Amino acid sequence: MADTPSLHDLIDLSGQRALVTGGGRGIGAAISRRLKEAGALVTIADRDPAAADTAAKIGAGFVSCDIADASQLSAAFDAASKDGALEILINNAAIFPTTGQIIDVEDDFVARMLDINVRAQFSATREAARRMTGGGKIINMASIVGLGGGNNISAYGASKAAVIALTRAASSELGRKGIRVNAIAPGVIDTPGVQLEMEPLKAGGLDVEAVIAANPLGIAGAPDHIARAALFLVSDLAAFVNGHVVVVDGGSTA
C-alpha cells in the first residue's frame, strides 16, 4: 500500500505555473492570492491596467490581455508558461451585465456575451490543453444562473450554462491526458462588479447588502469563499474530482 501523502503535500502547489484570467480584482484576485500562498507561480491576465498593482502586491506576474483577442490570449499563455508548459488555468474572465427582459435584448449584446463568456473560455481551454503535456487542472467559472435561471439575466444565464456544458465535455476528452476540468458556480458574491451592477437598485432604495446575504447561511458571499473552492479543485485533495460543478452559494439553490 502506497504511503498516504500528508495534508501539506496535498495542497502544495510549489513550482506549478498558473494563469488566472480576469485576476485583477474580485474573485480572480482572491484566487490568485490563494494559489500564490500555496506555492504556485501565478500570472494574472487582465485588460485593466490596475491589475498590475494587484499582481505586484501578491508577487504574481502580470500580462495585459483581452481574452476575446486571440493574439493577446496566446501571448498571455506564453507569458505564464515555462518551456511551453502550464499546470493550472483559472478561466475566470467574463462579463456579467444584467440583460433586462428577453424582449428588450438585442442580438449584438447576446453575441458579445457569448463571445467573451463562452467562445473565449473555449479558446483558453484549448490553449491550456496544448500546454498541459504533463497533465494539469482547469477551472471554468460558471454561475448558479447557469444551473437554475433567473429574471432579466437570460443571455448571461445562457452563457454560463454553456460553460458548464463545456466543462463536462472537456473533462471527458482531456481526462485521459491527465487534465482535470471542473467548474465553480458561485452564488451572489460581494464583488466590486456586483456592487456596480446593483447601483441602480440601490438608488431605488433596495437594501443590496440584504440581497447579497439572502441565503440560508445569512452571510455575504465573499471572493475568498470561491478562492478556497478553487484551491481545493486544483490541489491533490481533488485528485479524483473531474467534470464536476462545485456550487458555492451559501445554500441558496439547495
Protein backbone atom coordinates (compact mmCIF):
# COMPACT_ATOMS: atom_id res chain seq x y z
CA MET A 1 0.00 0.00 0.00
CA ALA A 2 1.37 3.39 -1.03
CA ASP A 3 2.24 5.91 1.62
CA THR A 4 -0.55 8.33 2.39
CA PRO A 5 0.51 11.88 1.45
CA SER A 6 0.48 14.48 4.18
CA LEU A 7 -2.08 17.28 4.17
CA HIS A 8 0.69 19.74 3.37
CA ASP A 9 1.72 17.74 0.32
CA LEU A 10 -1.87 17.50 -0.89
CA ILE A 11 -2.31 21.27 -1.06
CA ASP A 12 1.27 22.16 -2.05
CA LEU A 13 1.38 23.81 -5.49
CA SER A 14 5.07 24.70 -5.37
CA GLY A 15 6.51 25.30 -8.82
CA GLN A 16 3.24 24.84 -10.65
CA ARG A 17 2.57 27.53 -13.23
CA ALA A 18 -0.89 29.07 -13.09
CA LEU A 19 -2.68 31.54 -15.34
CA VAL A 20 -5.67 33.42 -13.87
CA THR A 21 -7.71 35.37 -16.41
CA GLY A 22 -9.51 38.38 -15.03
CA GLY A 23 -7.32 38.12 -11.95
CA GLY A 24 -7.08 41.81 -11.15
CA ARG A 25 -9.97 42.14 -8.73
CA GLY A 26 -12.84 40.35 -7.07
CA ILE A 27 -12.94 36.58 -7.39
CA GLY A 28 -9.94 36.44 -9.74
CA ALA A 29 -7.73 38.39 -7.36
CA ALA A 30 -8.77 36.22 -4.40
CA ILE A 31 -7.96 33.04 -6.34
CA SER A 32 -4.60 34.44 -7.41
CA ARG A 33 -3.70 35.14 -3.78
CA ARG A 34 -4.64 31.63 -2.61
CA LEU A 35 -2.71 29.95 -5.42
CA LYS A 36 0.32 32.07 -4.64
CA GLU A 37 0.07 31.19 -0.94
CA ALA A 38 0.07 27.51 -1.91
CA GLY A 39 3.31 27.99 -3.83
CA ALA A 40 2.11 28.36 -7.42
CA LEU A 41 3.87 30.62 -9.90
CA VAL A 42 0.92 32.83 -10.74
CA THR A 43 0.40 35.05 -13.78
CA ILE A 44 -2.59 37.38 -13.87
CA ALA A 45 -4.05 38.19 -17.29
CA ASP A 46 -6.37 41.18 -17.25
CA ARG A 47 -7.31 44.00 -19.60
CA ASP A 48 -7.45 46.50 -16.72
CA PRO A 49 -4.01 48.12 -16.22
CA ALA A 50 -4.79 48.46 -12.49
CA ALA A 51 -4.49 44.66 -12.26
CA ALA A 52 -0.73 45.13 -12.44
CA ASP A 53 -0.89 46.59 -8.93
CA THR A 54 -2.77 43.54 -7.67
CA ALA A 55 -0.17 41.27 -9.23
CA ALA A 56 2.68 43.24 -7.66
CA LYS A 57 1.09 43.08 -4.20
CA ILE A 58 0.81 39.31 -4.22
CA GLY A 59 4.06 38.65 -6.06
CA ALA A 60 2.46 37.43 -9.27
CA GLY A 61 3.31 38.13 -12.88
CA PHE A 62 1.05 40.32 -14.99
CA VAL A 63 0.19 40.44 -18.66
CA SER A 64 -2.29 42.82 -20.28
CA CYS A 65 -4.88 40.71 -22.05
CA ASP A 66 -8.34 40.97 -23.55
CA ILE A 67 -9.33 37.30 -23.69
CA ALA A 68 -11.53 37.94 -26.70
CA ASP A 69 -8.40 38.81 -28.72
CA ALA A 70 -6.77 35.59 -29.93
CA SER A 71 -3.25 37.00 -30.20
CA GLN A 72 -3.40 38.58 -26.73
CA LEU A 73 -4.75 35.35 -25.23
CA SER A 74 -1.98 33.29 -26.81
CA ALA A 75 0.61 35.79 -25.55
CA ALA A 76 -0.80 35.50 -22.03
CA PHE A 77 -0.34 31.74 -22.10
CA ASP A 78 3.19 32.14 -23.39
CA ALA A 79 3.94 34.54 -20.53
CA ALA A 80 2.56 32.13 -17.92
CA SER A 81 4.25 29.04 -19.34
CA LYS A 82 7.80 27.83 -18.98
CA ASP A 83 9.32 25.87 -21.85
CA GLY A 84 5.78 25.76 -23.24
CA ALA A 85 4.30 24.02 -20.20
CA LEU A 86 1.49 25.07 -17.84
CA GLU A 87 -0.19 23.26 -14.95
CA ILE A 88 -3.17 25.41 -13.90
CA LEU A 89 -5.72 27.57 -15.72
CA ILE A 90 -8.38 29.57 -13.90
CA ASN A 91 -10.83 30.56 -16.66
CA ASN A 92 -12.32 33.46 -14.72
CA ALA A 93 -12.57 36.49 -17.04
CA ALA A 94 -16.13 37.22 -18.15
CA ILE A 95 -18.73 39.95 -18.42
CA PHE A 96 -21.91 39.86 -16.39
CA PRO A 97 -24.22 42.81 -17.01
CA THR A 98 -27.90 42.27 -16.36
CA THR A 99 -29.69 41.94 -19.67
CA GLY A 100 -33.20 43.16 -18.99
CA GLN A 101 -36.24 41.33 -20.30
CA ILE A 102 -35.71 39.00 -23.25
CA ILE A 103 -37.93 41.12 -25.48
CA ASP A 104 -35.56 44.07 -24.98
CA VAL A 105 -32.23 42.31 -25.54
CA GLU A 106 -30.57 42.91 -28.91
CA ASP A 107 -28.52 40.43 -30.92
CA ASP A 108 -25.26 42.38 -30.67
CA PHE A 109 -25.46 42.24 -26.86
CA VAL A 110 -26.02 38.47 -26.92
CA ALA A 111 -23.20 38.00 -29.42
CA ARG A 112 -20.73 39.88 -27.23
CA MET A 113 -21.83 37.98 -24.12
CA LEU A 114 -21.36 34.61 -25.80
CA ASP A 115 -18.10 35.63 -27.46
CA ILE A 116 -16.44 36.56 -24.18
CA ASN A 117 -18.09 34.14 -21.77
CA VAL A 118 -18.14 31.05 -23.99
CA ARG A 119 -16.01 31.30 -27.14
CA ALA A 120 -13.07 32.92 -25.35
CA GLN A 121 -13.26 30.40 -22.48
CA PHE A 122 -13.26 27.61 -25.06
CA SER A 123 -10.18 29.16 -26.67
CA ALA A 124 -8.45 29.43 -23.30
CA THR A 125 -9.25 25.81 -22.52
CA ARG A 126 -7.75 24.78 -25.85
CA GLU A 127 -4.60 26.86 -25.28
CA ALA A 128 -4.18 25.36 -21.82
CA ALA A 129 -4.68 21.79 -23.02
CA ARG A 130 -1.99 22.25 -25.67
CA ARG A 131 0.49 23.24 -22.97
CA MET A 132 -0.53 20.73 -20.27
CA THR A 133 1.58 17.96 -21.72
CA GLY A 134 2.28 16.56 -18.27
CA GLY A 135 -1.28 16.90 -17.02
CA GLY A 136 -2.96 19.86 -15.40
CA LYS A 137 -6.04 21.44 -13.89
CA ILE A 138 -8.59 23.76 -15.48
CA ILE A 139 -11.31 25.59 -13.58
CA ASN A 140 -14.06 27.32 -15.53
CA MET A 141 -16.10 29.97 -13.75
CA ALA A 142 -19.80 29.21 -14.15
CA SER A 143 -22.72 30.54 -12.08
CA ILE A 144 -25.80 29.29 -10.30
CA VAL A 145 -27.71 31.18 -13.01
CA GLY A 146 -26.38 28.63 -15.48
CA LEU A 147 -27.99 25.89 -13.40
CA GLY A 148 -31.31 27.42 -12.46
CA GLY A 149 -32.02 30.56 -14.47
CA GLY A 150 -33.26 33.91 -13.24
CA ASN A 151 -35.13 37.01 -14.32
CA ASN A 152 -33.59 39.70 -16.56
CA ILE A 153 -30.38 37.75 -16.97
CA SER A 154 -31.15 35.42 -19.88
CA ALA A 155 -28.05 35.99 -22.03
CA TYR A 156 -25.73 35.66 -19.04
CA GLY A 157 -27.52 32.52 -17.89
CA ALA A 158 -27.24 31.01 -21.35
CA SER A 159 -23.52 31.75 -21.45
CA LYS A 160 -22.90 30.14 -18.06
CA ALA A 161 -24.96 27.06 -18.95
CA ALA A 162 -22.69 26.72 -21.97
CA VAL A 163 -19.63 26.97 -19.71
CA ILE A 164 -20.99 24.08 -17.64
CA ALA A 165 -21.53 22.01 -20.79
CA LEU A 166 -18.00 22.86 -21.98
CA THR A 167 -16.60 21.80 -18.62
CA ARG A 168 -18.27 18.40 -18.74
CA ALA A 169 -17.31 17.72 -22.34
CA ALA A 170 -13.71 18.84 -21.86
CA SER A 171 -13.33 16.78 -18.70
CA SER A 172 -14.27 13.65 -20.61
CA GLU A 173 -11.96 14.39 -23.53
CA LEU A 174 -8.96 15.64 -21.56
CA GLY A 175 -9.13 13.33 -18.55
CA ARG A 176 -7.11 10.63 -20.31
CA LYS A 177 -4.36 13.19 -20.78
CA GLY A 178 -4.20 13.79 -17.03
CA ILE A 179 -6.04 17.10 -17.26
CA ARG A 180 -8.86 17.59 -14.78
CA VAL A 181 -11.54 20.09 -15.81
CA ASN A 182 -14.04 21.37 -13.25
CA ALA A 183 -16.25 24.40 -12.77
CA ILE A 184 -17.30 26.58 -9.87
CA ALA A 185 -20.82 28.00 -9.80
CA PRO A 186 -20.84 30.97 -7.41
CA GLY A 187 -23.99 32.41 -5.95
CA VAL A 188 -24.25 36.15 -5.34
CA ILE A 189 -20.77 37.22 -4.29
CA ASP A 190 -19.96 40.66 -2.89
CA THR A 191 -17.51 41.90 -5.52
CA PRO A 192 -16.91 45.37 -6.99
CA GLY A 193 -18.63 44.24 -10.18
CA VAL A 194 -21.75 43.06 -8.39
CA GLN A 195 -21.92 46.27 -6.39
CA LEU A 196 -21.66 48.27 -9.60
CA GLU A 197 -24.41 46.27 -11.26
CA MET A 198 -26.68 46.92 -8.30
CA GLU A 199 -26.15 50.68 -8.18
CA PRO A 200 -29.49 51.38 -9.95
CA LEU A 201 -31.24 49.12 -7.43
CA LYS A 202 -29.56 50.94 -4.55
CA ALA A 203 -30.78 54.24 -5.96
CA GLY A 204 -34.28 52.82 -5.86
CA GLY A 205 -33.97 52.08 -2.15
CA LEU A 206 -33.16 48.37 -2.29
CA ASP A 207 -31.07 47.00 0.59
CA VAL A 208 -28.36 45.48 -1.59
CA GLU A 209 -26.39 44.03 1.32
CA ALA A 210 -29.50 42.14 2.41
CA VAL A 211 -29.90 40.78 -1.12
CA ILE A 212 -26.27 39.66 -1.21
CA ALA A 213 -26.73 37.82 2.10
CA ALA A 214 -30.12 36.34 1.20
CA ASN A 215 -29.06 32.71 1.52
CA PRO A 216 -29.64 30.11 4.27
CA LEU A 217 -26.35 30.98 5.96
CA GLY A 218 -27.36 34.64 6.12
CA ILE A 219 -23.87 35.90 5.36
CA ALA A 220 -22.49 37.69 2.33
CA GLY A 221 -20.65 35.54 -0.17
CA ALA A 222 -17.05 36.74 -0.38
CA PRO A 223 -14.46 36.29 -3.15
CA ASP A 224 -12.32 34.21 -0.81
CA HIS A 225 -15.15 31.67 -0.47
CA ILE A 226 -14.74 31.00 -4.17
CA ALA A 227 -10.95 31.07 -3.92
CA ARG A 228 -10.98 28.33 -1.29
CA ALA A 229 -13.06 26.12 -3.57
CA ALA A 230 -10.65 26.82 -6.41
CA LEU A 231 -7.66 25.89 -4.25
CA PHE A 232 -9.36 22.59 -3.41
CA LEU A 233 -10.06 21.79 -7.05
CA VAL A 234 -6.51 22.45 -8.28
CA SER A 235 -4.87 20.66 -5.36
CA ASP A 236 -4.37 16.93 -4.95
CA LEU A 237 -7.20 16.97 -2.42
CA ALA A 238 -9.38 16.81 -5.54
CA ALA A 239 -7.24 14.28 -7.41
CA PHE A 240 -10.32 12.19 -8.31
CA VAL A 241 -12.66 15.12 -9.00
CA ASN A 242 -13.24 15.71 -12.71
CA GLY A 243 -16.15 17.12 -14.70
CA HIS A 244 -17.82 18.44 -11.57
CA VAL A 245 -19.63 21.73 -10.93
CA VAL A 246 -18.97 22.92 -7.38
CA VAL A 247 -21.80 25.20 -6.22
CA VAL A 248 -20.66 27.83 -3.71
CA ASP A 249 -23.74 29.85 -2.82
CA GLY A 250 -24.41 29.54 0.90
CA GLY A 251 -27.21 27.09 0.17
CA SER A 252 -29.40 29.41 -1.88
CA THR A 253 -30.03 26.74 -4.51
CA ALA A 254 -30.45 23.91 -2.00
